[in-house]
mmCIF file of all heavy atoms, coordinates in Angstrom:
data_MODEL
# 
_entry.id   MODEL 
# 
loop_
_atom_site.group_PDB 
_atom_site.id 
_atom_site.type_symbol 
_atom_site.label_atom_id 
_atom_site.label_alt_id 
_atom_site.label_comp_id 
_atom_site.label_asym_id 
_atom_site.label_entity_id 
_atom_site.label_seq_id 
_atom_site.pdbx_PDB_ins_code 
_atom_site.Cartn_x 
_atom_site.Cartn_y 
_atom_site.Cartn_z 
_atom_site.occupancy 
_atom_site.B_iso_or_equiv 
_atom_site.pdbx_formal_charge 
_atom_site.auth_seq_id 
_atom_site.auth_comp_id 
_atom_site.auth_asym_id 
_atom_site.auth_atom_id 
_atom_site.pdbx_PDB_model_num 
ATOM 1   N N   . ALA A 1 1  ? -90.455  -28.360 69.340 1.00 0.00 ? 1  ALA A N   1 
ATOM 2   C CA  . ALA A 1 1  ? -89.747  -27.117 69.111 1.00 0.00 ? 1  ALA A CA  1 
ATOM 3   C C   . ALA A 1 1  ? -89.831  -26.760 67.638 1.00 0.00 ? 1  ALA A C   1 
ATOM 4   O O   . ALA A 1 1  ? -89.913  -27.651 66.783 1.00 0.00 ? 1  ALA A O   1 
ATOM 5   C CB  . ALA A 1 1  ? -88.287  -27.237 69.546 1.00 0.00 ? 1  ALA A CB  1 
ATOM 6   N N   . PRO A 1 2  ? -89.801  -25.478 67.312 1.00 0.00 ? 2  PRO A N   1 
ATOM 7   C CA  . PRO A 1 2  ? -89.848  -25.082 65.899 1.00 0.00 ? 2  PRO A CA  1 
ATOM 8   C C   . PRO A 1 2  ? -88.742  -25.727 65.085 1.00 0.00 ? 2  PRO A C   1 
ATOM 9   O O   . PRO A 1 2  ? -87.577  -25.711 65.479 1.00 0.00 ? 2  PRO A O   1 
ATOM 10  C CB  . PRO A 1 2  ? -89.677  -23.560 65.960 1.00 0.00 ? 2  PRO A CB  1 
ATOM 11  C CG  . PRO A 1 2  ? -90.159  -23.183 67.318 1.00 0.00 ? 2  PRO A CG  1 
ATOM 12  C CD  . PRO A 1 2  ? -89.756  -24.313 68.209 1.00 0.00 ? 2  PRO A CD  1 
ATOM 13  N N   . GLY A 1 3  ? -89.121  -26.303 63.968 1.00 0.00 ? 3  GLY A N   1 
ATOM 14  C CA  . GLY A 1 3  ? -88.156  -26.919 63.085 1.00 0.00 ? 3  GLY A CA  1 
ATOM 15  C C   . GLY A 1 3  ? -87.643  -28.270 63.527 1.00 0.00 ? 3  GLY A C   1 
ATOM 16  O O   . GLY A 1 3  ? -86.743  -28.822 62.879 1.00 0.00 ? 3  GLY A O   1 
ATOM 17  N N   . LYS A 1 4  ? -88.187  -28.814 64.590 1.00 0.00 ? 4  LYS A N   1 
ATOM 18  C CA  . LYS A 1 4  ? -87.730  -30.095 65.095 1.00 0.00 ? 4  LYS A CA  1 
ATOM 19  C C   . LYS A 1 4  ? -88.877  -31.098 65.142 1.00 0.00 ? 4  LYS A C   1 
ATOM 20  O O   . LYS A 1 4  ? -90.050  -30.718 65.145 1.00 0.00 ? 4  LYS A O   1 
ATOM 21  C CB  . LYS A 1 4  ? -87.131  -29.946 66.495 1.00 0.00 ? 4  LYS A CB  1 
ATOM 22  C CG  . LYS A 1 4  ? -85.898  -29.069 66.567 1.00 0.00 ? 4  LYS A CG  1 
ATOM 23  C CD  . LYS A 1 4  ? -85.343  -29.023 67.981 1.00 0.00 ? 4  LYS A CD  1 
ATOM 24  C CE  . LYS A 1 4  ? -84.103  -28.158 68.067 1.00 0.00 ? 4  LYS A CE  1 
ATOM 25  N NZ  . LYS A 1 4  ? -83.570  -28.107 69.451 1.00 0.00 ? 4  LYS A NZ  1 
ATOM 26  N N   . GLU A 1 5  ? -88.508  -32.359 65.181 1.00 0.00 ? 5  GLU A N   1 
ATOM 27  C CA  . GLU A 1 5  ? -89.503  -33.411 65.316 1.00 0.00 ? 5  GLU A CA  1 
ATOM 28  C C   . GLU A 1 5  ? -90.040  -33.460 66.738 1.00 0.00 ? 5  GLU A C   1 
ATOM 29  O O   . GLU A 1 5  ? -89.352  -33.109 67.699 1.00 0.00 ? 5  GLU A O   1 
ATOM 30  C CB  . GLU A 1 5  ? -88.892  -34.767 64.956 1.00 0.00 ? 5  GLU A CB  1 
ATOM 31  C CG  . GLU A 1 5  ? -88.488  -34.908 63.502 1.00 0.00 ? 5  GLU A CG  1 
ATOM 32  C CD  . GLU A 1 5  ? -89.683  -34.941 62.583 1.00 0.00 ? 5  GLU A CD  1 
ATOM 33  O OE1 . GLU A 1 5  ? -90.668  -35.630 62.910 1.00 0.00 ? 5  GLU A OE1 1 
ATOM 34  O OE2 . GLU A 1 5  ? -89.650  -34.268 61.544 1.00 0.00 ? 5  GLU A OE2 1 
ATOM 35  N N   . ARG A 1 6  ? -91.279  -33.884 66.851 1.00 0.00 ? 6  ARG A N   1 
ATOM 36  C CA  . ARG A 1 6  ? -91.850  -34.114 68.164 1.00 0.00 ? 6  ARG A CA  1 
ATOM 37  C C   . ARG A 1 6  ? -91.033  -35.171 68.903 1.00 0.00 ? 6  ARG A C   1 
ATOM 38  O O   . ARG A 1 6  ? -90.677  -36.206 68.333 1.00 0.00 ? 6  ARG A O   1 
ATOM 39  C CB  . ARG A 1 6  ? -93.302  -34.559 68.021 1.00 0.00 ? 6  ARG A CB  1 
ATOM 40  C CG  . ARG A 1 6  ? -94.028  -34.779 69.329 1.00 0.00 ? 6  ARG A CG  1 
ATOM 41  C CD  . ARG A 1 6  ? -95.495  -35.001 69.083 1.00 0.00 ? 6  ARG A CD  1 
ATOM 42  N NE  . ARG A 1 6  ? -95.728  -36.069 68.123 1.00 0.00 ? 6  ARG A NE  1 
ATOM 43  C CZ  . ARG A 1 6  ? -96.903  -36.357 67.592 1.00 0.00 ? 6  ARG A CZ  1 
ATOM 44  N NH1 . ARG A 1 6  ? -97.974  -35.635 67.920 1.00 0.00 ? 6  ARG A NH1 1 
ATOM 45  N NH2 . ARG A 1 6  ? -97.026  -37.352 66.733 1.00 0.00 ? 6  ARG A NH2 1 
ATOM 46  N N   . GLU A 1 7  ? -90.745  -34.912 70.144 1.00 0.00 ? 7  GLU A N   1 
ATOM 47  C CA  . GLU A 1 7  ? -89.851  -35.753 70.915 1.00 0.00 ? 7  GLU A CA  1 
ATOM 48  C C   . GLU A 1 7  ? -90.521  -36.208 72.205 1.00 0.00 ? 7  GLU A C   1 
ATOM 49  O O   . GLU A 1 7  ? -91.111  -35.401 72.927 1.00 0.00 ? 7  GLU A O   1 
ATOM 50  C CB  . GLU A 1 7  ? -88.564  -34.990 71.249 1.00 0.00 ? 7  GLU A CB  1 
ATOM 51  C CG  . GLU A 1 7  ? -87.567  -35.764 72.085 1.00 0.00 ? 7  GLU A CG  1 
ATOM 52  C CD  . GLU A 1 7  ? -86.347  -34.952 72.437 1.00 0.00 ? 7  GLU A CD  1 
ATOM 53  O OE1 . GLU A 1 7  ? -86.434  -33.708 72.463 1.00 0.00 ? 7  GLU A OE1 1 
ATOM 54  O OE2 . GLU A 1 7  ? -85.281  -35.564 72.681 1.00 0.00 ? 7  GLU A OE2 1 
ATOM 55  N N   . CYS A 1 8  ? -90.402  -37.482 72.490 1.00 0.00 ? 8  CYS A N   1 
ATOM 56  C CA  . CYS A 1 8  ? -90.812  -37.993 73.789 1.00 0.00 ? 8  CYS A CA  1 
ATOM 57  C C   . CYS A 1 8  ? -89.733  -37.645 74.805 1.00 0.00 ? 8  CYS A C   1 
ATOM 58  O O   . CYS A 1 8  ? -88.582  -38.058 74.664 1.00 0.00 ? 8  CYS A O   1 
ATOM 59  C CB  . CYS A 1 8  ? -91.026  -39.502 73.736 1.00 0.00 ? 8  CYS A CB  1 
ATOM 60  S SG  . CYS A 1 8  ? -91.537  -40.227 75.302 1.00 0.00 ? 8  CYS A SG  1 
ATOM 61  N N   . VAL A 1 9  ? -90.099  -36.897 75.814 1.00 0.00 ? 9  VAL A N   1 
ATOM 62  C CA  . VAL A 1 9  ? -89.151  -36.436 76.817 1.00 0.00 ? 9  VAL A CA  1 
ATOM 63  C C   . VAL A 1 9  ? -89.004  -37.447 77.940 1.00 0.00 ? 9  VAL A C   1 
ATOM 64  O O   . VAL A 1 9  ? -87.894  -37.838 78.314 1.00 0.00 ? 9  VAL A O   1 
ATOM 65  C CB  . VAL A 1 9  ? -89.580  -35.072 77.385 1.00 0.00 ? 9  VAL A CB  1 
ATOM 66  C CG1 . VAL A 1 9  ? -88.628  -34.617 78.483 1.00 0.00 ? 9  VAL A CG1 1 
ATOM 67  C CG2 . VAL A 1 9  ? -89.647  -34.037 76.268 1.00 0.00 ? 9  VAL A CG2 1 
ATOM 68  N N   . ALA A 1 10 ? -90.119  -37.858 78.490 1.00 0.00 ? 10 ALA A N   1 
ATOM 69  C CA  . ALA A 1 10 ? -90.110  -38.781 79.615 1.00 0.00 ? 10 ALA A CA  1 
ATOM 70  C C   . ALA A 1 10 ? -91.487  -39.392 79.770 1.00 0.00 ? 10 ALA A C   1 
ATOM 71  O O   . ALA A 1 10 ? -92.500  -38.757 79.454 1.00 0.00 ? 10 ALA A O   1 
ATOM 72  C CB  . ALA A 1 10 ? -89.708  -38.068 80.913 1.00 0.00 ? 10 ALA A CB  1 
ATOM 73  N N   . THR A 1 11 ? -91.521  -40.618 80.245 1.00 0.00 ? 11 THR A N   1 
ATOM 74  C CA  . THR A 1 11 ? -92.792  -41.284 80.517 1.00 0.00 ? 11 THR A CA  1 
ATOM 75  C C   . THR A 1 11 ? -92.725  -41.988 81.864 1.00 0.00 ? 11 THR A C   1 
ATOM 76  O O   . THR A 1 11 ? -91.645  -42.275 82.389 1.00 0.00 ? 11 THR A O   1 
ATOM 77  C CB  . THR A 1 11 ? -93.163  -42.303 79.430 1.00 0.00 ? 11 THR A CB  1 
ATOM 78  O OG1 . THR A 1 11 ? -92.258  -43.411 79.459 1.00 0.00 ? 11 THR A OG1 1 
ATOM 79  C CG2 . THR A 1 11 ? -93.144  -41.658 78.048 1.00 0.00 ? 11 THR A CG2 1 
ATOM 80  N N   . ILE A 1 12 ? -93.901  -42.289 82.386 1.00 0.00 ? 12 ILE A N   1 
ATOM 81  C CA  . ILE A 1 12 ? -94.002  -42.928 83.688 1.00 0.00 ? 12 ILE A CA  1 
ATOM 82  C C   . ILE A 1 12 ? -95.205  -43.855 83.679 1.00 0.00 ? 12 ILE A C   1 
ATOM 83  O O   . ILE A 1 12 ? -96.270  -43.512 83.174 1.00 0.00 ? 12 ILE A O   1 
ATOM 84  C CB  . ILE A 1 12 ? -94.086  -41.861 84.808 1.00 0.00 ? 12 ILE A CB  1 
ATOM 85  C CG1 . ILE A 1 12 ? -94.037  -42.499 86.193 1.00 0.00 ? 12 ILE A CG1 1 
ATOM 86  C CG2 . ILE A 1 12 ? -95.319  -40.973 84.628 1.00 0.00 ? 12 ILE A CG2 1 
ATOM 87  C CD1 . ILE A 1 12 ? -93.790  -41.476 87.300 1.00 0.00 ? 12 ILE A CD1 1 
ATOM 88  N N   . SER A 1 13 ? -95.019  -45.052 84.222 1.00 0.00 ? 13 SER A N   1 
ATOM 89  C CA  . SER A 1 13 ? -96.096  -46.024 84.238 1.00 0.00 ? 13 SER A CA  1 
ATOM 90  C C   . SER A 1 13 ? -97.177  -45.616 85.234 1.00 0.00 ? 13 SER A C   1 
ATOM 91  O O   . SER A 1 13 ? -97.008  -44.693 86.038 1.00 0.00 ? 13 SER A O   1 
ATOM 92  C CB  . SER A 1 13 ? -95.555  -47.408 84.572 1.00 0.00 ? 13 SER A CB  1 
ATOM 93  O OG  . SER A 1 13 ? -94.943  -47.427 85.847 1.00 0.00 ? 13 SER A OG  1 
ATOM 94  N N   . TRP A 1 14 ? -98.276  -46.333 85.188 1.00 0.00 ? 14 TRP A N   1 
ATOM 95  C CA  . TRP A 1 14 ? -99.451  -45.955 85.977 1.00 0.00 ? 14 TRP A CA  1 
ATOM 96  C C   . TRP A 1 14 ? -99.163  -45.854 87.464 1.00 0.00 ? 14 TRP A C   1 
ATOM 97  O O   . TRP A 1 14 ? -99.780  -45.046 88.176 1.00 0.00 ? 14 TRP A O   1 
ATOM 98  C CB  . TRP A 1 14 ? -100.591 -46.952 85.732 1.00 0.00 ? 14 TRP A CB  1 
ATOM 99  C CG  . TRP A 1 14 ? -100.303 -48.334 86.254 1.00 0.00 ? 14 TRP A CG  1 
ATOM 100 C CD1 . TRP A 1 14 ? -99.670  -49.341 85.596 1.00 0.00 ? 14 TRP A CD1 1 
ATOM 101 C CD2 . TRP A 1 14 ? -100.656 -48.849 87.543 1.00 0.00 ? 14 TRP A CD2 1 
ATOM 102 N NE1 . TRP A 1 14 ? -99.596  -50.458 86.398 1.00 0.00 ? 14 TRP A NE1 1 
ATOM 103 C CE2 . TRP A 1 14 ? -100.197 -50.182 87.592 1.00 0.00 ? 14 TRP A CE2 1 
ATOM 104 C CE3 . TRP A 1 14 ? -101.315 -48.318 88.650 1.00 0.00 ? 14 TRP A CE3 1 
ATOM 105 C CZ2 . TRP A 1 14 ? -100.374 -50.988 88.719 1.00 0.00 ? 14 TRP A CZ2 1 
ATOM 106 C CZ3 . TRP A 1 14 ? -101.495 -49.114 89.769 1.00 0.00 ? 14 TRP A CZ3 1 
ATOM 107 C CH2 . TRP A 1 14 ? -101.025 -50.437 89.793 1.00 0.00 ? 14 TRP A CH2 1 
ATOM 108 N N   . ASN A 1 15 ? -98.227  -46.675 87.949 1.00 0.00 ? 15 ASN A N   1 
ATOM 109 C CA  . ASN A 1 15 ? -97.900  -46.674 89.370 1.00 0.00 ? 15 ASN A CA  1 
ATOM 110 C C   . ASN A 1 15 ? -96.562  -46.020 89.672 1.00 0.00 ? 15 ASN A C   1 
ATOM 111 O O   . ASN A 1 15 ? -96.100  -46.069 90.814 1.00 0.00 ? 15 ASN A O   1 
ATOM 112 C CB  . ASN A 1 15 ? -97.914  -48.100 89.910 1.00 0.00 ? 15 ASN A CB  1 
ATOM 113 C CG  . ASN A 1 15 ? -96.862  -48.981 89.260 1.00 0.00 ? 15 ASN A CG  1 
ATOM 114 O OD1 . ASN A 1 15 ? -96.224  -48.596 88.279 1.00 0.00 ? 15 ASN A OD1 1 
ATOM 115 N ND2 . ASN A 1 15 ? -96.684  -50.171 89.804 1.00 0.00 ? 15 ASN A ND2 1 
ATOM 116 N N   . GLY A 1 16 ? -95.948  -45.422 88.671 1.00 0.00 ? 16 GLY A N   1 
ATOM 117 C CA  . GLY A 1 16 ? -94.654  -44.799 88.856 1.00 0.00 ? 16 GLY A CA  1 
ATOM 118 C C   . GLY A 1 16 ? -93.493  -45.761 88.900 1.00 0.00 ? 16 GLY A C   1 
ATOM 119 O O   . GLY A 1 16 ? -92.362  -45.335 89.162 1.00 0.00 ? 16 GLY A O   1 
ATOM 120 N N   . GLY A 1 17 ? -93.739  -47.032 88.628 1.00 0.00 ? 17 GLY A N   1 
ATOM 121 C CA  . GLY A 1 17 ? -92.701  -48.030 88.773 1.00 0.00 ? 17 GLY A CA  1 
ATOM 122 C C   . GLY A 1 17 ? -91.697  -48.101 87.644 1.00 0.00 ? 17 GLY A C   1 
ATOM 123 O O   . GLY A 1 17 ? -90.591  -48.608 87.841 1.00 0.00 ? 17 GLY A O   1 
ATOM 124 N N   . GLN A 1 18 ? -92.074  -47.637 86.475 1.00 0.00 ? 18 GLN A N   1 
ATOM 125 C CA  . GLN A 1 18 ? -91.192  -47.684 85.318 1.00 0.00 ? 18 GLN A CA  1 
ATOM 126 C C   . GLN A 1 18 ? -91.093  -46.296 84.708 1.00 0.00 ? 18 GLN A C   1 
ATOM 127 O O   . GLN A 1 18 ? -92.113  -45.650 84.455 1.00 0.00 ? 18 GLN A O   1 
ATOM 128 C CB  . GLN A 1 18 ? -91.698  -48.684 84.278 1.00 0.00 ? 18 GLN A CB  1 
ATOM 129 C CG  . GLN A 1 18 ? -91.683  -50.129 84.744 1.00 0.00 ? 18 GLN A CG  1 
ATOM 130 C CD  . GLN A 1 18 ? -90.277  -50.667 84.942 1.00 0.00 ? 18 GLN A CD  1 
ATOM 131 O OE1 . GLN A 1 18 ? -89.340  -50.227 84.273 1.00 0.00 ? 18 GLN A OE1 1 
ATOM 132 N NE2 . GLN A 1 18 ? -90.128  -51.611 85.857 1.00 0.00 ? 18 GLN A NE2 1 
ATOM 133 N N   . LEU A 1 19 ? -89.870  -45.868 84.464 1.00 0.00 ? 19 LEU A N   1 
ATOM 134 C CA  . LEU A 1 19 ? -89.600  -44.543 83.920 1.00 0.00 ? 19 LEU A CA  1 
ATOM 135 C C   . LEU A 1 19 ? -88.826  -44.658 82.620 1.00 0.00 ? 19 LEU A C   1 
ATOM 136 O O   . LEU A 1 19 ? -88.052  -45.598 82.417 1.00 0.00 ? 19 LEU A O   1 
ATOM 137 C CB  . LEU A 1 19 ? -88.789  -43.704 84.908 1.00 0.00 ? 19 LEU A CB  1 
ATOM 138 C CG  . LEU A 1 19 ? -89.301  -43.627 86.348 1.00 0.00 ? 19 LEU A CG  1 
ATOM 139 C CD1 . LEU A 1 19 ? -88.350  -42.787 87.181 1.00 0.00 ? 19 LEU A CD1 1 
ATOM 140 C CD2 . LEU A 1 19 ? -90.712  -43.069 86.391 1.00 0.00 ? 19 LEU A CD2 1 
ATOM 141 N N   . TYR A 1 20 ? -89.035  -43.696 81.770 1.00 0.00 ? 20 TYR A N   1 
ATOM 142 C CA  . TYR A 1 20 ? -88.281  -43.593 80.526 1.00 0.00 ? 20 TYR A CA  1 
ATOM 143 C C   . TYR A 1 20 ? -87.868  -42.141 80.328 1.00 0.00 ? 20 TYR A C   1 
ATOM 144 O O   . TYR A 1 20 ? -88.663  -41.226 80.575 1.00 0.00 ? 20 TYR A O   1 
ATOM 145 C CB  . TYR A 1 20 ? -89.127  -44.053 79.329 1.00 0.00 ? 20 TYR A CB  1 
ATOM 146 C CG  . TYR A 1 20 ? -88.531  -43.665 78.005 1.00 0.00 ? 20 TYR A CG  1 
ATOM 147 C CD1 . TYR A 1 20 ? -87.561  -44.453 77.403 1.00 0.00 ? 20 TYR A CD1 1 
ATOM 148 C CD2 . TYR A 1 20 ? -88.922  -42.485 77.360 1.00 0.00 ? 20 TYR A CD2 1 
ATOM 149 C CE1 . TYR A 1 20 ? -86.996  -44.083 76.196 1.00 0.00 ? 20 TYR A CE1 1 
ATOM 150 C CE2 . TYR A 1 20 ? -88.365  -42.118 76.161 1.00 0.00 ? 20 TYR A CE2 1 
ATOM 151 C CZ  . TYR A 1 20 ? -87.401  -42.917 75.581 1.00 0.00 ? 20 TYR A CZ  1 
ATOM 152 O OH  . TYR A 1 20 ? -86.847  -42.549 74.388 1.00 0.00 ? 20 TYR A OH  1 
ATOM 153 N N   . TYR A 1 21 ? -86.622  -41.955 79.876 1.00 0.00 ? 21 TYR A N   1 
ATOM 154 C CA  . TYR A 1 21 ? -86.133  -40.623 79.554 1.00 0.00 ? 21 TYR A CA  1 
ATOM 155 C C   . TYR A 1 21 ? -85.463  -40.622 78.193 1.00 0.00 ? 21 TYR A C   1 
ATOM 156 O O   . TYR A 1 21 ? -84.760  -41.570 77.834 1.00 0.00 ? 21 TYR A O   1 
ATOM 157 C CB  . TYR A 1 21 ? -85.110  -40.142 80.580 1.00 0.00 ? 21 TYR A CB  1 
ATOM 158 C CG  . TYR A 1 21 ? -85.664  -39.932 81.959 1.00 0.00 ? 21 TYR A CG  1 
ATOM 159 C CD1 . TYR A 1 21 ? -85.512  -40.900 82.943 1.00 0.00 ? 21 TYR A CD1 1 
ATOM 160 C CD2 . TYR A 1 21 ? -86.339  -38.759 82.280 1.00 0.00 ? 21 TYR A CD2 1 
ATOM 161 C CE1 . TYR A 1 21 ? -86.018  -40.709 84.214 1.00 0.00 ? 21 TYR A CE1 1 
ATOM 162 C CE2 . TYR A 1 21 ? -86.848  -38.562 83.549 1.00 0.00 ? 21 TYR A CE2 1 
ATOM 163 C CZ  . TYR A 1 21 ? -86.682  -39.537 84.511 1.00 0.00 ? 21 TYR A CZ  1 
ATOM 164 O OH  . TYR A 1 21 ? -87.187  -39.341 85.777 1.00 0.00 ? 21 TYR A OH  1 
ATOM 165 N N   . ALA A 1 22 ? -85.678  -39.554 77.467 1.00 0.00 ? 22 ALA A N   1 
ATOM 166 C CA  . ALA A 1 22 ? -84.906  -39.346 76.254 1.00 0.00 ? 22 ALA A CA  1 
ATOM 167 C C   . ALA A 1 22 ? -83.443  -39.131 76.613 1.00 0.00 ? 22 ALA A C   1 
ATOM 168 O O   . ALA A 1 22 ? -83.118  -38.571 77.663 1.00 0.00 ? 22 ALA A O   1 
ATOM 169 C CB  . ALA A 1 22 ? -85.439  -38.135 75.489 1.00 0.00 ? 22 ALA A CB  1 
ATOM 170 N N   . ASP A 1 23 ? -82.565  -39.574 75.727 1.00 0.00 ? 23 ASP A N   1 
ATOM 171 C CA  . ASP A 1 23 ? -81.141  -39.379 75.972 1.00 0.00 ? 23 ASP A CA  1 
ATOM 172 C C   . ASP A 1 23 ? -80.794  -37.906 76.175 1.00 0.00 ? 23 ASP A C   1 
ATOM 173 O O   . ASP A 1 23 ? -79.888  -37.573 76.953 1.00 0.00 ? 23 ASP A O   1 
ATOM 174 C CB  . ASP A 1 23 ? -80.322  -39.939 74.816 1.00 0.00 ? 23 ASP A CB  1 
ATOM 175 C CG  . ASP A 1 23 ? -80.345  -41.449 74.758 1.00 0.00 ? 23 ASP A CG  1 
ATOM 176 O OD1 . ASP A 1 23 ? -80.690  -42.088 75.771 1.00 0.00 ? 23 ASP A OD1 1 
ATOM 177 O OD2 . ASP A 1 23 ? -80.005  -42.000 73.690 1.00 0.00 ? 23 ASP A OD2 1 
ATOM 178 N N   . SER A 1 24 ? -81.516  -37.038 75.510 1.00 0.00 ? 24 SER A N   1 
ATOM 179 C CA  . SER A 1 24 ? -81.209  -35.619 75.553 1.00 0.00 ? 24 SER A CA  1 
ATOM 180 C C   . SER A 1 24 ? -81.484  -34.979 76.914 1.00 0.00 ? 24 SER A C   1 
ATOM 181 O O   . SER A 1 24 ? -80.975  -33.890 77.193 1.00 0.00 ? 24 SER A O   1 
ATOM 182 C CB  . SER A 1 24 ? -81.996  -34.869 74.477 1.00 0.00 ? 24 SER A CB  1 
ATOM 183 O OG  . SER A 1 24 ? -83.390  -35.070 74.635 1.00 0.00 ? 24 SER A OG  1 
ATOM 184 N N   . VAL A 1 25 ? -82.286  -35.629 77.748 1.00 0.00 ? 25 VAL A N   1 
ATOM 185 C CA  . VAL A 1 25 ? -82.621  -35.061 79.055 1.00 0.00 ? 25 VAL A CA  1 
ATOM 186 C C   . VAL A 1 25 ? -82.173  -35.945 80.204 1.00 0.00 ? 25 VAL A C   1 
ATOM 187 O O   . VAL A 1 25 ? -82.333  -35.552 81.373 1.00 0.00 ? 25 VAL A O   1 
ATOM 188 C CB  . VAL A 1 25 ? -84.128  -34.775 79.173 1.00 0.00 ? 25 VAL A CB  1 
ATOM 189 C CG1 . VAL A 1 25 ? -84.604  -33.909 78.017 1.00 0.00 ? 25 VAL A CG1 1 
ATOM 190 C CG2 . VAL A 1 25 ? -84.922  -36.073 79.244 1.00 0.00 ? 25 VAL A CG2 1 
ATOM 191 N N   . GLN A 1 26 ? -81.623  -37.085 79.910 1.00 0.00 ? 26 GLN A N   1 
ATOM 192 C CA  . GLN A 1 26 ? -81.185  -38.022 80.944 1.00 0.00 ? 26 GLN A CA  1 
ATOM 193 C C   . GLN A 1 26 ? -80.242  -37.328 81.921 1.00 0.00 ? 26 GLN A C   1 
ATOM 194 O O   . GLN A 1 26 ? -79.278  -36.672 81.526 1.00 0.00 ? 26 GLN A O   1 
ATOM 195 C CB  . GLN A 1 26 ? -80.495  -39.218 80.298 1.00 0.00 ? 26 GLN A CB  1 
ATOM 196 C CG  . GLN A 1 26 ? -80.129  -40.339 81.256 1.00 0.00 ? 26 GLN A CG  1 
ATOM 197 C CD  . GLN A 1 26 ? -81.314  -41.235 81.548 1.00 0.00 ? 26 GLN A CD  1 
ATOM 198 O OE1 . GLN A 1 26 ? -81.803  -41.266 82.671 1.00 0.00 ? 26 GLN A OE1 1 
ATOM 199 N NE2 . GLN A 1 26 ? -81.781  -41.948 80.534 1.00 0.00 ? 26 GLN A NE2 1 
ATOM 200 N N   . GLY A 1 27 ? -80.523  -37.486 83.198 1.00 0.00 ? 27 GLY A N   1 
ATOM 201 C CA  . GLY A 1 27 ? -79.687  -36.901 84.226 1.00 0.00 ? 27 GLY A CA  1 
ATOM 202 C C   . GLY A 1 27 ? -80.033  -35.475 84.588 1.00 0.00 ? 27 GLY A C   1 
ATOM 203 O O   . GLY A 1 27 ? -79.532  -34.960 85.597 1.00 0.00 ? 27 GLY A O   1 
ATOM 204 N N   . ARG A 1 28 ? -80.861  -34.824 83.787 1.00 0.00 ? 28 ARG A N   1 
ATOM 205 C CA  . ARG A 1 28 ? -81.247  -33.439 84.052 1.00 0.00 ? 28 ARG A CA  1 
ATOM 206 C C   . ARG A 1 28 ? -82.720  -33.297 84.413 1.00 0.00 ? 28 ARG A C   1 
ATOM 207 O O   . ARG A 1 28 ? -83.081  -32.389 85.164 1.00 0.00 ? 28 ARG A O   1 
ATOM 208 C CB  . ARG A 1 28 ? -80.942  -32.555 82.844 1.00 0.00 ? 28 ARG A CB  1 
ATOM 209 C CG  . ARG A 1 28 ? -79.479  -32.522 82.458 1.00 0.00 ? 28 ARG A CG  1 
ATOM 210 C CD  . ARG A 1 28 ? -79.206  -31.491 81.361 1.00 0.00 ? 28 ARG A CD  1 
ATOM 211 N NE  . ARG A 1 28 ? -79.935  -31.803 80.134 1.00 0.00 ? 28 ARG A NE  1 
ATOM 212 C CZ  . ARG A 1 28 ? -80.904  -31.052 79.617 1.00 0.00 ? 28 ARG A CZ  1 
ATOM 213 N NH1 . ARG A 1 28 ? -81.268  -29.921 80.214 1.00 0.00 ? 28 ARG A NH1 1 
ATOM 214 N NH2 . ARG A 1 28 ? -81.501  -31.414 78.487 1.00 0.00 ? 28 ARG A NH2 1 
# 
């Protein structure tokens, strides 16, 4: 976003078995 640092939003492993979410989007 303008004026903000690049942020990792979410990631997913090759088989979908492991997920990661940024705190800012968790639950949404």
